[in-house]
C-alpha atoms as a PDB file:
ATOM      1  CA  MET A   1      25.178  15.918 -26.274  1.00  0.00           C
ATOM      2  CA  THR A   2      27.346  13.464 -28.194  1.00  0.00           C
ATOM      3  CA  ASP A   3      26.139  11.320 -31.080  1.00  0.00           C
ATOM      4  CA  ASN A   4      26.294   8.174 -28.943  1.00  0.00           C
ATOM      5  CA  ALA A   5      24.441   9.638 -25.932  1.00  0.00           C
ATOM      6  CA  ARG A   6      21.931   7.269 -24.383  1.00  0.00           C
ATOM      7  CA  CYS A   7      18.324   8.405 -24.685  1.00  0.00           C
ATOM      8  CA  VAL A   8      15.549   7.684 -22.192  1.00  0.00           C
ATOM      9  CA  ALA A   9      11.858   8.532 -22.473  1.00  0.00           C
ATOM     10  CA  VAL A  10      10.118   9.544 -19.239  1.00  0.00           C
ATOM     11  CA  PHE A  11       6.344   9.078 -19.057  1.00  0.00           C
ATOM     12  CA  SER A  12       4.526  10.764 -16.174  1.00  0.00           C
ATOM     13  CA  LEU A  13       1.218   9.255 -15.055  1.00  0.00           C
ATOM     14  CA  GLY A  14       0.704  11.383 -11.939  1.00  0.00           C
ATOM     15  CA  GLY A  15       0.678  10.062  -8.380  1.00  0.00           C
ATOM     16  CA  THR A  16       2.466  11.260  -5.236  1.00  0.00           C
ATOM     17  CA  ILE A  17       5.668  11.940  -7.136  1.00  0.00           C
ATOM     18  CA  ALA A  18       3.767  14.544  -9.201  1.00  0.00           C
ATOM     19  CA  MET A  19       1.811  15.986  -6.265  1.00  0.00           C
ATOM     20  CA  THR A  20       2.153  19.200  -4.292  1.00  0.00           C
ATOM     21  CA  ALA A  21       0.224  20.328  -1.236  1.00  0.00           C
ATOM     22  CA  GLN A  22      -2.710  22.619  -1.977  1.00  0.00           C
ATOM     23  CA  THR A  23      -3.813  25.530   0.210  1.00  0.00           C
ATOM     24  CA  GLY A  24      -6.558  24.348   2.503  1.00  0.00           C
ATOM     25  CA  GLY A  25      -6.429  20.767   1.201  1.00  0.00           C
ATOM     26  CA  GLY A  26      -4.364  17.669   0.610  1.00  0.00           C
ATOM     27  CA  ALA A  27      -1.778  16.960  -2.053  1.00  0.00           C
ATOM     28  CA  THR A  28      -2.968  16.527  -5.650  1.00  0.00           C
ATOM     29  CA  PRO A  29      -1.183  15.795  -8.970  1.00  0.00           C
ATOM     30  CA  THR A  30       0.062  19.128 -10.324  1.00  0.00           C
ATOM     31  CA  LEU A  31       3.581  18.533 -11.674  1.00  0.00           C
ATOM     32  CA  SER A  32       4.192  17.724 -15.328  1.00  0.00           C
ATOM     33  CA  ALA A  33       6.814  15.333 -16.626  1.00  0.00           C
ATOM     34  CA  ASP A  34       9.004  18.360 -17.424  1.00  0.00           C
ATOM     35  CA  ASP A  35       8.641  19.560 -13.825  1.00  0.00           C
ATOM     36  CA  LEU A  36       9.684  16.169 -12.465  1.00  0.00           C
ATOM     37  CA  VAL A  37      12.767  15.899 -14.657  1.00  0.00           C
ATOM     38  CA  ALA A  38      13.783  19.512 -13.990  1.00  0.00           C
ATOM     39  CA  ALA A  39      13.796  18.800 -10.251  1.00  0.00           C
ATOM     40  CA  VAL A  40      16.388  16.006 -10.487  1.00  0.00           C
ATOM     41  CA  PRO A  41      19.830  17.137  -9.240  1.00  0.00           C
ATOM     42  CA  GLY A  42      22.743  15.714 -11.180  1.00  0.00           C
ATOM     43  CA  LEU A  43      20.759  14.569 -14.184  1.00  0.00           C
ATOM     44  CA  ALA A  44      22.561  16.887 -16.608  1.00  0.00           C
ATOM     45  CA  GLU A  45      25.912  15.458 -15.512  1.00  0.00           C
ATOM     46  CA  THR A  46      24.926  11.918 -16.536  1.00  0.00           C
ATOM     47  CA  GLY A  47      25.061  12.756 -20.257  1.00  0.00           C
ATOM     48  CA  ILE A  48      21.769  10.899 -20.734  1.00  0.00           C
ATOM     49  CA  ALA A  49      19.340  12.572 -23.134  1.00  0.00           C
ATOM     50  CA  VAL A  50      15.811  12.662 -21.735  1.00  0.00           C
ATOM     51  CA  GLU A  51      12.551  13.164 -23.615  1.00  0.00           C
ATOM     52  CA  VAL A  52       9.437  13.713 -21.543  1.00  0.00           C
ATOM     53  CA  HIS A  53       5.824  12.675 -22.086  1.00  0.00           C
ATOM     54  CA  ASP A  54       3.041  14.071 -19.910  1.00  0.00           C
ATOM     55  CA  PHE A  55       0.854  11.005 -20.370  1.00  0.00           C
ATOM     56  CA  ARG A  56      -1.661  11.163 -17.487  1.00  0.00           C
ATOM     57  CA  ARG A  57      -2.148  13.152 -14.279  1.00  0.00           C
ATOM     58  CA  LEU A  58      -4.000  10.684 -12.081  1.00  0.00           C
ATOM     59  CA  PRO A  59      -3.571   9.208  -8.617  1.00  0.00           C
ATOM     60  CA  GLY A  60      -2.201   5.681  -8.857  1.00  0.00           C
ATOM     61  CA  ALA A  61      -5.486   4.292  -7.542  1.00  0.00           C
ATOM     62  CA  SER A  62      -7.384   5.737 -10.529  1.00  0.00           C
ATOM     63  CA  LEU A  63      -5.256   4.314 -13.346  1.00  0.00           C
ATOM     64  CA  SER A  64      -7.089   1.806 -15.550  1.00  0.00           C
ATOM     65  CA  PHE A  65      -6.211  -1.159 -17.744  1.00  0.00           C
ATOM     66  CA  SER A  66      -7.006   1.060 -20.720  1.00  0.00           C
ATOM     67  CA  ASP A  67      -4.476   3.686 -19.556  1.00  0.00           C
ATOM     68  CA  LEU A  68      -1.757   1.062 -19.230  1.00  0.00           C
ATOM     69  CA  LEU A  69      -2.484  -0.646 -22.543  1.00  0.00           C
ATOM     70  CA  ASP A  70      -2.344   2.753 -24.270  1.00  0.00           C
ATOM     71  CA  LEU A  71       0.974   3.377 -22.522  1.00  0.00           C
ATOM     72  CA  ALA A  72       2.356   0.029 -23.680  1.00  0.00           C
ATOM     73  CA  VAL A  73       1.571   0.936 -27.301  1.00  0.00           C
ATOM     74  CA  ALA A  74       3.255   4.330 -26.902  1.00  0.00           C
ATOM     75  CA  ILE A  75       6.345   2.791 -25.306  1.00  0.00           C
ATOM     76  CA  GLU A  76       7.048   0.227 -27.990  1.00  0.00           C
ATOM     77  CA  THR A  77       6.942   2.746 -30.824  1.00  0.00           C
ATOM     78  CA  LEU A  78       9.769   4.883 -29.442  1.00  0.00           C
ATOM     79  CA  PRO A  79      13.361   4.750 -30.778  1.00  0.00           C
ATOM     80  CA  VAL A  80      14.982   5.109 -27.334  1.00  0.00           C
ATOM     81  CA  ASP A  81      17.359   3.085 -25.184  1.00  0.00           C
ATOM     82  CA  GLY A  82      14.971   2.774 -22.250  1.00  0.00           C
ATOM     83  CA  VAL A  83      11.794   4.064 -20.662  1.00  0.00           C
ATOM     84  CA  VAL A  84      10.978   5.424 -17.204  1.00  0.00           C
ATOM     85  CA  ILE A  85       7.390   5.603 -15.947  1.00  0.00           C
ATOM     86  CA  THR A  86       6.589   7.740 -12.921  1.00  0.00           C
ATOM     87  CA  GLN A  87       3.301   7.087 -11.162  1.00  0.00           C
ATOM     88  CA  GLY A  88       1.489   6.726  -7.860  1.00  0.00           C
ATOM     89  CA  THR A  89       2.846   3.986  -5.624  1.00  0.00           C
ATOM     90  CA  ASP A  90      -0.583   2.557  -4.777  1.00  0.00           C
ATOM     91  CA  THR A  91      -0.634   0.430  -7.929  1.00  0.00           C
ATOM     92  CA  ILE A  92       3.017   0.111  -8.962  1.00  0.00           C
ATOM     93  CA  GLU A  93       3.106  -3.622  -8.202  1.00  0.00           C
ATOM     94  CA  GLU A  94       0.135  -4.079 -10.546  1.00  0.00           C
ATOM     95  CA  THR A  95       1.024  -1.704 -13.387  1.00  0.00           C
ATOM     96  CA  SER A  96       4.621  -2.893 -13.591  1.00  0.00           C
ATOM     97  CA  TYR A  97       3.510  -6.522 -13.940  1.00  0.00           C
ATOM     98  CA  LEU A  98       0.894  -5.601 -16.538  1.00  0.00           C
ATOM     99  CA  LEU A  99       3.571  -3.854 -18.608  1.00  0.00           C
ATOM    100  CA  ASP A 100       5.885  -6.834 -18.147  1.00  0.00           C
ATOM    101  CA  LEU A 101       3.194  -9.117 -19.574  1.00  0.00           C
ATOM    102  CA  VAL A 102       2.296  -7.035 -22.636  1.00  0.00           C
ATOM    103  CA  THR A 103       5.581  -5.449 -23.763  1.00  0.00           C
ATOM    104  CA  THR A 104       8.081  -7.384 -25.842  1.00  0.00           C
ATOM    105  CA  SER A 105      10.951  -4.928 -26.286  1.00  0.00           C
ATOM    106  CA  ASP A 106      14.343  -5.876 -24.858  1.00  0.00           C
ATOM    107  CA  MET A 107      14.980  -2.321 -23.652  1.00  0.00           C
ATOM    108  CA  PRO A 108      14.669  -1.572 -19.927  1.00  0.00           C
ATOM    109  CA  ILE A 109      11.209  -0.408 -18.828  1.00  0.00           C
ATOM    110  CA  VAL A 110      11.483   1.099 -15.352  1.00  0.00           C
ATOM    111  CA  VAL A 111       8.630   2.120 -13.070  1.00  0.00           C
ATOM    112  CA  THR A 112       9.195   4.433 -10.122  1.00  0.00           C
ATOM    113  CA  GLY A 113       7.431   6.934  -7.907  1.00  0.00           C
ATOM    114  CA  ALA A 114       7.671   8.567  -4.500  1.00  0.00           C
ATOM    115  CA  MET A 115       6.342   7.954  -1.026  1.00  0.00           C
ATOM    116  CA  ARG A 116       6.745  11.632  -0.071  1.00  0.00           C
ATOM    117  CA  ASN A 117       5.313  14.373  -2.281  1.00  0.00           C
ATOM    118  CA  ALA A 118       7.419  17.277  -3.498  1.00  0.00           C
ATOM    119  CA  SER A 119       6.141  19.625  -0.770  1.00  0.00           C
ATOM    120  CA  LEU A 120       7.535  17.467   2.056  1.00  0.00           C
ATOM    121  CA  ALA A 121      10.974  17.433   3.638  1.00  0.00           C
ATOM    122  CA  GLY A 122      12.953  14.481   2.373  1.00  0.00           C
ATOM    123  CA  ALA A 123      10.915  14.058  -0.819  1.00  0.00           C
ATOM    124  CA  ASP A 124      12.231  10.887  -2.447  1.00  0.00           C
ATOM    125  CA  GLY A 125      10.989  11.522  -5.984  1.00  0.00           C
ATOM    126  CA  PRO A 126      14.113  13.177  -7.481  1.00  0.00           C
ATOM    127  CA  ALA A 127      16.478  10.451  -6.228  1.00  0.00           C
ATOM    128  CA  ASN A 128      14.167   7.707  -7.469  1.00  0.00           C
ATOM    129  CA  VAL A 129      13.835   9.348 -10.894  1.00  0.00           C
ATOM    130  CA  LEU A 130      17.611   9.734 -11.225  1.00  0.00           C
ATOM    131  CA  ALA A 131      18.224   6.091 -10.319  1.00  0.00           C
ATOM    132  CA  ALA A 132      15.428   4.967 -12.654  1.00  0.00           C
ATOM    133  CA  ILE A 133      16.887   6.953 -15.558  1.00  0.00           C
ATOM    134  CA  ARG A 134      20.312   5.421 -14.934  1.00  0.00           C
ATOM    135  CA  VAL A 135      18.799   1.923 -15.002  1.00  0.00           C
ATOM    136  CA  ALA A 136      16.750   2.657 -18.131  1.00  0.00           C
ATOM    137  CA  ALA A 137      19.825   3.979 -19.944  1.00  0.00           C
ATOM    138  CA  SER A 138      22.041   1.075 -18.938  1.00  0.00           C
ATOM    139  CA  THR A 139      23.011  -1.866 -21.087  1.00  0.00           C
ATOM    140  CA  GLU A 140      23.172  -4.007 -17.936  1.00  0.00           C
ATOM    141  CA  ALA A 141      19.388  -3.862 -17.427  1.00  0.00           C
ATOM    142  CA  ARG A 142      18.491  -4.942 -20.951  1.00  0.00           C
ATOM    143  CA  GLY A 143      16.541  -8.169 -21.013  1.00  0.00           C
ATOM    144  CA  THR A 144      15.420  -8.045 -17.379  1.00  0.00           C
ATOM    145  CA  GLY A 145      11.814  -7.214 -18.280  1.00  0.00           C
ATOM    146  CA  THR A 146       9.908  -4.434 -16.578  1.00  0.00           C
ATOM    147  CA  VAL A 147      11.464  -3.465 -13.257  1.00  0.00           C
ATOM    148  CA  VAL A 148      10.626  -1.213 -10.327  1.00  0.00           C
ATOM    149  CA  VAL A 149      13.385   1.068  -9.012  1.00  0.00           C
ATOM    150  CA  PHE A 150      12.948   2.456  -5.507  1.00  0.00           C
ATOM    151  CA  GLY A 151      15.543   3.470  -2.953  1.00  0.00           C
ATOM    152  CA  GLU A 152      18.223   2.559  -5.529  1.00  0.00           C
ATOM    153  CA  GLU A 153      17.094  -1.090  -5.513  1.00  0.00           C
ATOM    154  CA  ILE A 154      15.998  -2.815  -8.733  1.00  0.00           C
ATOM    155  CA  HIS A 155      13.025  -5.182  -8.355  1.00  0.00           C
ATOM    156  CA  ALA A 156      11.473  -7.541 -10.911  1.00  0.00           C
ATOM    157  CA  ALA A 157       7.870  -6.611 -11.691  1.00  0.00           C
ATOM    158  CA  ARG A 158       6.801 -10.226 -11.147  1.00  0.00           C
ATOM    159  CA  TRP A 159       8.025 -10.221  -7.535  1.00  0.00           C
ATOM    160  CA  VAL A 160       7.804  -6.643  -6.281  1.00  0.00           C
ATOM    161  CA  ARG A 161       5.319  -5.736  -3.536  1.00  0.00           C
ATOM    162  CA  LYS A 162       4.405  -2.574  -1.657  1.00  0.00           C
ATOM    163  CA  THR A 163       4.719  -3.712   1.946  1.00  0.00           C
ATOM    164  CA  HIS A 164       4.290  -0.486   3.915  1.00  0.00           C
ATOM    165  CA  ALA A 165       1.749   2.330   3.661  1.00  0.00           C
ATOM    166  CA  THR A 166       4.147   5.243   4.243  1.00  0.00           C
ATOM    167  CA  SER A 167       7.794   4.147   4.470  1.00  0.00           C
ATOM    168  CA  PRO A 168      10.241   5.320   1.764  1.00  0.00           C
ATOM    169  CA  THR A 169      11.483   1.704   1.725  1.00  0.00           C
ATOM    170  CA  ALA A 170       7.997   0.329   1.071  1.00  0.00           C
ATOM    171  CA  PHE A 171       8.949  -1.758  -1.972  1.00  0.00           C
ATOM    172  CA  THR A 172      10.420  -5.194  -1.419  1.00  0.00           C
ATOM    173  CA  SER A 173      10.505  -8.485  -3.268  1.00  0.00           C
ATOM    174  CA  TYR A 174      11.063 -12.150  -2.593  1.00  0.00           C
ATOM    175  CA  PRO A 175      13.548 -13.686  -3.370  1.00  0.00           C
ATOM    176  CA  GLY A 176      15.099 -10.203  -3.357  1.00  0.00           C
ATOM    177  CA  PRO A 177      16.136  -7.346  -5.664  1.00  0.00           C
ATOM    178  CA  LEU A 178      17.660  -8.063  -9.049  1.00  0.00           C
ATOM    179  CA  GLY A 179      20.307  -5.467  -8.320  1.00  0.00           C
ATOM    180  CA  TYR A 180      20.918  -1.916  -7.231  1.00  0.00           C
ATOM    181  CA  VAL A 181      22.442   1.418  -8.176  1.00  0.00           C
ATOM    182  CA  ALA A 182      25.619   2.474  -6.355  1.00  0.00           C
ATOM    183  CA  GLU A 183      28.173   5.162  -7.196  1.00  0.00           C
ATOM    184  CA  ASP A 184      26.202   5.926 -10.349  1.00  0.00           C
ATOM    185  CA  ARG A 185      26.656   2.356 -11.576  1.00  0.00           C
ATOM    186  CA  VAL A 186      23.853  -0.085 -12.350  1.00  0.00           C
ATOM    187  CA  ARG A 187      24.640  -3.505 -10.899  1.00  0.00           C
ATOM    188  CA  ILE A 188      22.476  -6.485 -11.909  1.00  0.00           C
ATOM    189  CA  MET A 189      23.106  -9.441  -9.611  1.00  0.00           C
ATOM    190  CA  THR A 190      20.510 -11.897 -10.935  1.00  0.00           C
ATOM    191  CA  ARG A 191      17.995 -12.163 -13.770  1.00  0.00           C
ATOM    192  CA  PRO A 192      14.447 -13.538 -13.679  1.00  0.00           C
ATOM    193  CA  SER A 193      13.474 -16.355 -15.992  1.00  0.00           C
ATOM    194  CA  ASP A 194      11.579 -15.313 -19.098  1.00  0.00           C
ATOM    195  CA  SER A 195       8.045 -14.169 -18.379  1.00  0.00           C
ATOM    196  CA  PRO A 196       5.198 -15.371 -20.613  1.00  0.00           C
ATOM    197  CA  LYS A 197       3.658 -12.621 -22.721  1.00  0.00           C
ATOM    198  CA  VAL A 198       0.063 -11.659 -23.436  1.00  0.00           C
ATOM    199  CA  ASP A 199      -0.694 -10.067 -26.801  1.00  0.00           C
ATOM    200  CA  PRO A 200      -2.969  -7.142 -25.831  1.00  0.00           C
ATOM    201  CA  ARG A 201      -4.163  -6.422 -29.369  1.00  0.00           C
ATOM    202  CA  GLY A 202      -7.918  -6.777 -29.429  1.00  0.00           C
ATOM    203  CA  ALA A 203      -8.144  -6.693 -25.620  1.00  0.00           C
ATOM    204  CA  THR A 204     -11.631  -5.246 -25.701  1.00  0.00           C
ATOM    205  CA  THR A 205     -13.778  -8.004 -24.183  1.00  0.00           C
ATOM    206  CA  PRO A 206     -15.541  -6.636 -21.086  1.00  0.00           C
ATOM    207  CA  ALA A 207     -14.406  -8.467 -17.972  1.00  0.00           C
ATOM    208  CA  ARG A 208     -14.752  -8.024 -14.239  1.00  0.00           C
ATOM    209  CA  THR A 209     -12.382  -9.838 -11.891  1.00  0.00           C
ATOM    210  CA  ALA A 210     -11.998  -9.859  -8.121  1.00  0.00           C
ATOM    211  CA  ILE A 211      -9.778 -11.097  -5.316  1.00  0.00           C
ATOM    212  CA  ALA A 212     -11.460 -12.866  -2.408  1.00  0.00           C
ATOM    213  CA  THR A 213      -9.327 -13.397   0.690  1.00  0.00           C
ATOM    214  CA  VAL A 214     -10.338 -16.312   2.883  1.00  0.00           C
ATOM    215  CA  GLY A 215     -10.248 -15.871   6.644  1.00  0.00           C
ATOM    216  CA  LEU A 216     -10.766 -17.859   9.781  1.00  0.00           C
ATOM    217  CA  GLY A 217     -14.337 -19.162   9.986  1.00  0.00           C
ATOM    218  CA  ASP A 218     -15.338 -18.396   6.370  1.00  0.00           C
ATOM    219  CA  ASP A 219     -18.348 -20.421   5.243  1.00  0.00           C
ATOM    220  CA  GLY A 220     -18.340 -19.580   1.519  1.00  0.00           C
ATOM    221  CA  THR A 221     -21.353 -17.262   1.532  1.00  0.00           C
ATOM    222  CA  ILE A 222     -19.322 -14.148   0.703  1.00  0.00           C
ATOM    223  CA  LEU A 223     -17.335 -16.041  -1.933  1.00  0.00           C
ATOM    224  CA  GLN A 224     -20.559 -16.988  -3.675  1.00  0.00           C
ATOM    225  CA  ALA A 225     -21.842 -13.405  -3.505  1.00  0.00           C
ATOM    226  CA  ILE A 226     -18.643 -12.036  -5.065  1.00  0.00           C
ATOM    227  CA  GLY A 227     -18.694 -14.721  -7.738  1.00  0.00           C
ATOM    228  CA  ASP A 228     -22.186 -13.687  -8.795  1.00  0.00           C
ATOM    229  CA  GLN A 229     -20.729 -10.328  -9.884  1.00  0.00           C
ATOM    230  CA  ALA A 230     -17.473 -11.488 -11.506  1.00  0.00           C
ATOM    231  CA  ASP A 231     -16.246 -13.107 -14.708  1.00  0.00           C
ATOM    232  CA  GLY A 232     -13.194 -14.513 -12.964  1.00  0.00           C
ATOM    233  CA  LEU A 233     -12.025 -14.825  -9.382  1.00  0.00           C
ATOM    234  CA  VAL A 234      -8.716 -15.102  -7.537  1.00  0.00           C
ATOM    235  CA  ILE A 235      -8.813 -16.831  -4.156  1.00  0.00           C
ATOM    236  CA  ALA A 236      -6.198 -15.581  -1.703  1.00  0.00           C
ATOM    237  CA  ALA A 237      -5.962 -18.780   0.312  1.00  0.00           C
ATOM    238  CA  PHE A 238      -4.211 -19.777   3.502  1.00  0.00           C
ATOM    239  CA  GLY A 239      -0.637 -21.062   3.367  1.00  0.00           C
ATOM    240  CA  ALA A 240       0.191 -23.147   0.328  1.00  0.00           C
ATOM    241  CA  GLY A 241      -3.361 -23.030  -1.065  1.00  0.00           C
ATOM    242  CA  HIS A 242      -5.863 -24.037   1.627  1.00  0.00           C
ATOM    243  CA  VAL A 243      -9.382 -22.880   2.513  1.00  0.00           C
ATOM    244  CA  PRO A 244     -11.875 -23.795   5.267  1.00  0.00           C
ATOM    245  CA  MET A 245     -13.835 -26.970   4.534  1.00  0.00           C
ATOM    246  CA  ALA A 246     -17.033 -24.910   4.634  1.00  0.00           C
ATOM    247  CA  CYS A 247     -15.872 -23.010   1.514  1.00  0.00           C
ATOM    248  CA  VAL A 248     -15.297 -26.084  -0.654  1.00  0.00           C
ATOM    249  CA  ASP A 249     -18.814 -26.423  -2.071  1.00  0.00           C
ATOM    250  CA  ALA A 250     -18.992 -22.724  -2.984  1.00  0.00           C
ATOM    251  CA  LEU A 251     -15.631 -22.873  -4.769  1.00  0.00           C
ATOM    252  CA  THR A 252     -16.588 -26.071  -6.582  1.00  0.00           C
ATOM    253  CA  ASP A 253     -19.693 -24.335  -7.892  1.00  0.00           C
ATOM    254  CA  LEU A 254     -17.795 -21.193  -8.880  1.00  0.00           C
ATOM    255  CA  ALA A 255     -15.112 -23.179 -10.728  1.00  0.00           C
ATOM    256  CA  LYS A 256     -17.826 -24.691 -12.932  1.00  0.00           C
ATOM    257  CA  ARG A 257     -19.014 -21.218 -13.943  1.00  0.00           C
ATOM    258  CA  MET A 258     -15.806 -19.224 -14.351  1.00  0.00           C
ATOM    259  CA  PRO A 259     -12.008 -19.431 -14.023  1.00  0.00           C
ATOM    260  CA  VAL A 260     -11.099 -19.462 -10.319  1.00  0.00           C
ATOM    261  CA  VAL A 261      -7.391 -19.008  -9.603  1.00  0.00           C
ATOM    262  CA  LEU A 262      -5.902 -20.325  -6.363  1.00  0.00           C
ATOM    263  CA  ALA A 263      -3.136 -18.154  -4.884  1.00  0.00           C
ATOM    264  CA  THR A 264      -1.509 -17.902  -1.473  1.00  0.00           C
ATOM    265  CA  ARG A 265      -2.333 -14.891   0.659  1.00  0.00           C
ATOM    266  CA  THR A 266       1.167 -15.041   2.217  1.00  0.00           C
ATOM    267  CA  GLY A 267       2.527 -12.971  -0.685  1.00  0.00           C
ATOM    268  CA  SER A 268       5.403 -15.261  -1.649  1.00  0.00           C
ATOM    269  CA  GLY A 269       6.099 -18.913  -2.299  1.00  0.00           C
ATOM    270  CA  PRO A 270       4.222 -21.382  -4.501  1.00  0.00           C
ATOM    271  CA  VAL A 271       0.796 -22.917  -4.341  1.00  0.00           C
ATOM    272  CA  LEU A 272       1.510 -26.593  -3.776  1.00  0.00           C
ATOM    273  CA  ARG A 273      -0.064 -29.348  -5.872  1.00  0.00           C
ATOM    274  CA  GLN A 274      -0.025 -32.647  -3.985  1.00  0.00           C
ATOM    275  CA  THR A 275       1.368 -32.264  -0.487  1.00  0.00           C
ATOM    276  CA  TYR A 276      -1.934 -32.116   1.416  1.00  0.00           C
ATOM    277  CA  GLY A 277      -5.097 -34.131   0.807  1.00  0.00           C
ATOM    278  CA  PHE A 278      -7.803 -32.920   3.193  1.00  0.00           C
ATOM    279  CA  PRO A 279     -11.029 -31.241   1.953  1.00  0.00           C
ATOM    280  CA  GLY A 280     -10.047 -27.655   1.167  1.00  0.00           C
ATOM    281  CA  SER A 281      -6.381 -28.518   0.615  1.00  0.00           C
ATOM    282  CA  GLU A 282      -4.516 -27.510  -2.525  1.00  0.00           C
ATOM    283  CA  SER A 283      -4.792 -30.959  -4.145  1.00  0.00           C
ATOM    284  CA  ASP A 284      -8.517 -31.110  -3.365  1.00  0.00           C
ATOM    285  CA  LEU A 285      -9.207 -27.651  -4.803  1.00  0.00           C
ATOM    286  CA  LEU A 286      -7.160 -28.225  -7.960  1.00  0.00           C
ATOM    287  CA  ALA A 287      -9.026 -31.500  -8.517  1.00  0.00           C
ATOM    288  CA  ARG A 288     -12.274 -29.506  -8.298  1.00  0.00           C
ATOM    289  CA  GLY A 289     -11.224 -27.279 -11.204  1.00  0.00           C
ATOM    290  CA  LEU A 290      -9.429 -24.370  -9.567  1.00  0.00           C
ATOM    291  CA  ILE A 291      -6.349 -23.051 -11.410  1.00  0.00           C
ATOM    292  CA  SER A 292      -3.007 -22.767  -9.626  1.00  0.00           C
ATOM    293  CA  ALA A 293      -1.424 -19.310  -9.554  1.00  0.00           C
ATOM    294  CA  SER A 294       1.950 -21.016  -9.031  1.00  0.00           C
ATOM    295  CA  THR A 295       4.242 -18.345  -7.533  1.00  0.00           C
ATOM    296  CA  LEU A 296       2.115 -15.319  -8.415  1.00  0.00           C
ATOM    297  CA  ASP A 297       0.648 -13.481  -5.453  1.00  0.00           C
ATOM    298  CA  PRO A 298      -3.099 -12.706  -5.584  1.00  0.00           C
ATOM    299  CA  ILE A 299      -2.599  -9.166  -6.925  1.00  0.00           C
ATOM    300  CA  LYS A 300      -0.388 -10.305  -9.803  1.00  0.00           C
ATOM    301  CA  ALA A 301      -2.628 -13.307 -10.496  1.00  0.00           C
ATOM    302  CA  ARG A 302      -5.615 -10.989 -10.920  1.00  0.00           C
ATOM    303  CA  ILE A 303      -3.713  -8.817 -13.422  1.00  0.00           C
ATOM    304  CA  LEU A 304      -2.928 -11.863 -15.543  1.00  0.00           C
ATOM    305  CA  LEU A 305      -6.458 -13.259 -15.246  1.00  0.00           C
ATOM    306  CA  GLN A 306      -7.991  -9.915 -16.210  1.00  0.00           C
ATOM    307  CA  LEU A 307      -5.791  -9.579 -19.303  1.00  0.00           C
ATOM    308  CA  LEU A 308      -6.544 -13.124 -20.426  1.00  0.00           C
ATOM    309  CA  LEU A 309     -10.286 -12.572 -20.071  1.00  0.00           C
ATOM    310  CA  MET A 310     -10.013  -9.267 -21.947  1.00  0.00           C
ATOM    311  CA  ILE A 311      -8.573 -11.132 -24.952  1.00  0.00           C
ATOM    312  CA  ALA A 312     -11.406 -13.678 -24.690  1.00  0.00           C
ATOM    313  CA  SER A 313      -9.323 -16.618 -23.458  1.00  0.00           C
ATOM    314  CA  ASP A 314     -11.346 -19.649 -22.388  1.00  0.00           C
ATOM    315  CA  LYS A 315     -10.719 -21.642 -19.203  1.00  0.00           C
ATOM    316  CA  ASP A 316      -8.422 -24.166 -20.901  1.00  0.00           C
ATOM    317  CA  GLN A 317      -6.283 -21.370 -22.354  1.00  0.00           C
ATOM    318  CA  ILE A 318      -6.145 -19.613 -18.987  1.00  0.00           C
ATOM    319  CA  THR A 319      -5.133 -22.845 -17.252  1.00  0.00           C
ATOM    320  CA  GLU A 320      -2.394 -23.424 -19.820  1.00  0.00           C
ATOM    321  CA  PHE A 321      -1.066 -19.888 -19.413  1.00  0.00           C
ATOM    322  CA  PHE A 322      -0.880 -20.091 -15.634  1.00  0.00           C
ATOM    323  CA  SER A 323       0.816 -23.498 -15.934  1.00  0.00           C
ATOM    324  CA  VAL A 324       3.946 -21.933 -17.465  1.00  0.00           C
ATOM    325  CA  ILE A 325       4.415 -19.398 -14.660  1.00  0.00           C
ATOM    326  CA  PRO A 326       7.720 -20.342 -12.972  1.00  0.00           C
END
């Protein structure tokens, strides 16, 4: 290793990428960070120095805010050129955005995983790890915020979504990837605008948040029941921010008691502000005290809302924070 070798830290959190099939049962997390890195063909030839951290061994669905905030602290204390996080794909679109919100380093932070565990033919973990390490070590990816690397595509944490339950190409984003890896080269084609940051220090206030998806014929009863158990609520609304008229009274009441964020259930595009004017339209709901999620989808909006409540933000502060989302 030369004196100017790039150095990347790899943190393993568990998930499918760290799973192997067990006799008489399903796959469970068994591989350490060392095991994952050792299974990557061609890594030694890159000249990139890799240090490994066996941080958690959990399915993606069982990771917590506490796990991720601890990880963020560990990441920002390291004297490395970039960081790779391997984890279960179930929550990658959430964990990557959380890390994007709370980390301030300019170095690349790359999240990856696998759709096929190491016991299966065509396991995609090694290729994803190699591409992620290349991105994390690159100077090209500096300043792009936290990204997700899958299938050699580079996605912004703010936009990435898991759009298929089993496909190796499950991760997509709108308006598209930031770039890709080809012939061992990291190519960044576009850069997201700066993302607002949340200071997680002191994020100890208990908070419970939920996403409620409206559907055809909703009358608001279920919304009210969910709201009785939550400190904050995200409404996954129709289209550009619309709900059935029968839900309006329930949402008006909820918005007086807690922050209620209005997002679109379509998964991309903005919540409008003043295009429609009927009861239950976006302009009507915003006038009743709901908070626009702007371009954040419901899953990302909940991550931001949860963090803001954990640092004891009031409704005015939450409204102001969401207002600067591009």
